[in-house]
Protein backbone atom coordinates (compact mmCIF):
# COMPACT_ATOMS: atom_id res chain seq x y z
CA UNK A 1 57.90 84.62 -5.38
CA UNK A 2 55.81 86.21 -2.86
CA UNK A 3 57.93 89.19 -1.65
CA UNK A 4 59.54 87.35 1.23
CA UNK A 5 63.29 87.03 1.70
CA UNK A 6 62.73 83.42 1.88
CA UNK A 7 61.43 83.27 -1.64
CA UNK A 8 64.12 85.59 -2.95
CA UNK A 9 66.92 83.23 -2.05
CA UNK A 10 66.13 81.51 -5.24
CA UNK A 11 67.08 84.56 -7.35
CA UNK A 12 70.83 84.00 -7.52
CA UNK A 13 70.18 80.53 -8.72
CA UNK A 14 67.72 81.71 -11.29
CA UNK A 15 70.34 84.30 -12.47
CA UNK A 16 72.90 81.58 -12.87
CA UNK A 17 70.59 79.58 -14.87
CA UNK A 18 69.84 82.85 -17.07
CA UNK A 19 73.18 84.15 -17.26
CA UNK A 20 74.75 80.82 -18.28
CA UNK A 21 72.32 80.47 -21.03
CA UNK A 22 70.40 77.61 -19.62
CA UNK A 23 67.13 79.36 -19.59
CA UNK A 24 65.85 80.94 -22.77
CA UNK A 25 62.64 81.78 -20.91
CA UNK A 26 62.20 82.51 -17.26
CA UNK A 27 58.83 82.81 -15.61
CA UNK A 28 58.41 84.50 -12.36
CA UNK A 29 55.37 83.63 -10.60
CA UNK A 30 53.43 84.88 -7.68
CA UNK A 31 50.50 82.85 -6.49
CA UNK A 32 47.76 84.75 -4.67
CA UNK A 33 45.90 82.62 -2.09
CA UNK A 34 42.18 83.17 -2.66
CA UNK A 35 40.37 85.86 -0.77
CA UNK A 36 37.42 84.51 1.38
CA UNK A 37 34.84 83.98 -1.26
CA UNK A 38 32.02 83.87 1.37
CA UNK A 39 32.45 87.63 1.57
CA UNK A 40 32.21 88.51 -2.25
CA UNK A 41 31.28 85.27 -4.08
CA UNK A 42 27.64 85.01 -3.35
CA UNK A 43 25.08 86.93 -5.19
CA UNK A 44 23.08 89.67 -3.63
CA UNK A 45 19.84 87.97 -4.37
CA UNK A 46 20.71 85.47 -1.70
CA UNK A 47 20.27 88.06 1.10
CA UNK A 48 16.69 88.63 2.40
CA UNK A 49 16.65 92.29 3.55
CA UNK A 50 18.00 95.38 1.94
CA UNK A 51 20.18 95.95 5.16
CA UNK A 52 21.92 92.60 4.56
CA UNK A 53 22.22 93.71 0.73
CA UNK A 54 23.84 96.80 1.81
CA UNK A 55 26.27 94.88 4.06
CA UNK A 56 27.04 92.44 1.39
CA UNK A 57 27.58 95.32 -1.17
CA UNK A 58 30.01 97.08 1.18
CA UNK A 59 31.85 93.82 1.78
CA UNK A 60 31.84 93.01 -1.90
CA UNK A 61 33.48 96.65 -2.66
CA UNK A 62 35.99 95.80 0.08
CA UNK A 63 37.12 92.60 -1.01
CA UNK A 64 37.07 93.60 -4.66
CA UNK A 65 39.39 96.52 -3.77
CA UNK A 66 41.56 94.24 -1.67
CA UNK A 67 41.97 91.80 -4.54
CA UNK A 68 42.80 94.75 -7.01
CA UNK A 69 45.49 96.00 -4.51
CA UNK A 70 47.03 92.63 -3.99
CA UNK A 71 47.45 91.93 -7.83
CA UNK A 72 48.84 95.37 -8.23
CA UNK A 73 51.31 94.88 -5.61
CA UNK A 74 52.39 91.53 -7.03
CA UNK A 75 52.69 92.92 -10.49
CA UNK A 76 54.93 95.72 -9.38
CA UNK A 77 57.10 93.43 -7.40
CA UNK A 78 57.44 90.75 -10.14
CA UNK A 79 58.20 93.67 -12.87
CA UNK A 80 60.88 94.96 -10.46
CA UNK A 81 62.47 91.43 -10.09
CA UNK A 82 62.13 90.86 -13.90
CA UNK A 83 64.08 94.01 -14.59
CA UNK A 84 67.22 92.49 -12.59
CA UNK A 85 67.32 89.84 -15.36
CA UNK A 86 66.40 91.89 -18.61
CA UNK A 87 70.08 92.24 -19.78
CA UNK A 88 71.08 88.77 -20.11
CA UNK A 89 68.94 88.14 -23.19
CA UNK A 90 66.59 85.57 -21.97
CA UNK A 91 62.71 86.22 -22.13
CA UNK A 92 61.47 87.11 -18.74
CA UNK A 93 57.78 86.60 -18.16
CA UNK A 94 55.80 87.48 -15.03
CA UNK A 95 52.53 85.62 -14.23
CA UNK A 96 50.07 86.28 -11.24
CA UNK A 97 48.05 83.26 -10.60
CA UNK A 98 45.39 82.45 -8.01
CA UNK A 99 44.74 79.37 -6.03
CA UNK A 100 46.53 76.89 -3.52
CA UNK A 101 50.08 77.72 -3.98
CA UNK A 102 51.53 74.13 -4.51
CA UNK A 103 48.86 72.80 -6.54
CA UNK A 104 48.62 75.89 -8.70
CA UNK A 105 52.43 76.04 -9.27
CA UNK A 106 52.59 72.39 -10.14
CA UNK A 107 49.52 72.78 -12.50
CA UNK A 108 50.94 75.74 -14.20
CA UNK A 109 54.39 74.11 -14.63
CA UNK A 110 52.69 70.96 -16.34
CA UNK A 111 50.36 73.01 -18.52
CA UNK A 112 53.06 75.25 -19.89
CA UNK A 113 56.03 72.76 -20.45
CA UNK A 114 58.19 74.28 -17.69
CA UNK A 115 61.34 72.43 -17.64
CA UNK A 116 62.23 73.15 -13.92
CA UNK A 117 60.61 74.68 -10.76
CA UNK A 118 62.82 76.84 -8.43
CA UNK A 119 61.48 77.07 -4.94
CA UNK A 120 62.74 78.18 -1.41
CA UNK A 121 62.40 76.13 1.50
CA UNK A 122 62.85 76.74 5.26
CA UNK A 123 64.21 73.28 5.71
CA UNK A 124 62.03 72.53 8.67
CA UNK A 125 61.47 69.06 9.81
CA UNK A 126 59.64 67.06 12.56
CA UNK A 127 57.13 68.96 14.62
CA UNK A 128 57.72 72.31 12.99
CA UNK A 129 56.96 70.89 9.47
CA UNK A 130 53.99 69.06 10.63
CA UNK A 131 52.41 72.20 12.35
CA UNK A 132 53.66 74.78 9.78
CA UNK A 133 53.34 72.57 6.80
CA UNK A 134 55.72 73.02 3.73
CA UNK A 135 54.67 74.57 0.58
CA UNK A 136 57.95 73.47 -0.97
CA UNK A 137 57.28 69.77 -0.16
CA UNK A 138 53.93 70.07 -1.51
CA UNK A 139 55.01 71.34 -4.59
CA UNK A 140 57.70 68.54 -4.81
CA UNK A 141 54.90 66.04 -4.45
CA UNK A 142 52.37 67.46 -6.74
CA UNK A 143 54.81 68.36 -9.56
CA UNK A 144 55.47 66.25 -12.57
CA UNK A 145 58.47 68.35 -13.62
CA UNK A 146 61.77 68.40 -11.74
CA UNK A 147 61.89 70.84 -8.74
CA UNK A 148 65.13 72.46 -7.58
CA UNK A 149 64.62 73.35 -3.68
CA UNK A 150 66.78 76.08 -2.50
CA UNK A 151 67.35 76.07 1.33
CA UNK A 152 67.26 79.57 2.71
CA UNK A 153 70.42 80.96 4.20
CA UNK A 154 70.87 80.21 7.87
CA UNK A 155 68.44 77.35 7.91
CA UNK A 156 69.41 74.66 10.27
CA UNK A 157 69.83 70.96 9.13
CA UNK A 158 68.84 67.95 11.01
CA UNK A 159 72.12 66.33 10.14
CA UNK A 160 74.77 66.46 12.66
CA UNK A 161 78.56 66.80 11.92
C-alpha cells in the first residue's frame, strides 16, 4: 500500500481472504523509497569548510525530518487501514519497509514465509509500460511466492472483444 487509490483496489480482495478465514495473518506493507542519501548519508568530516558543514547539517536536519514525517504518515495510514479488518479475527500486522519497492516486497515475502502477495496494477502495456515501468511486473518477476495482481478499476485491456 502507498496511500493511492490504485493500491487500495486490493483491499476488497484482502478483505475477502480475511473474512473467508483464508488468512490467519495479513500484513499491510508500505515500502518507502529511500531519500537521496547524498544529502544526509555522508559524514560532516567529508566537508572541508565550516560553511559546507553548516549546509550539510541543515540538509541533514531537513532530510531527517522528512524521513520521520514520511514514516509517521505511512504508519498512520496503515493503522487506519488495519482498523478496517480488525473485527474479522485475523491478526493484522503493519510493516513500513525502506528500499526499492519490488525487490523489497519480494525479499520480505520470502524471508517471512508469506503465502501470497496482493498487488495492484494499472494494466499498462506497450510503450506506456516501457516508459513508466511496472512495479507490479517487477514484483511478479522477483517474487518466489505467488502474486495476485489486481487490475485497477477502469483500466483498459489490450484485448479487443
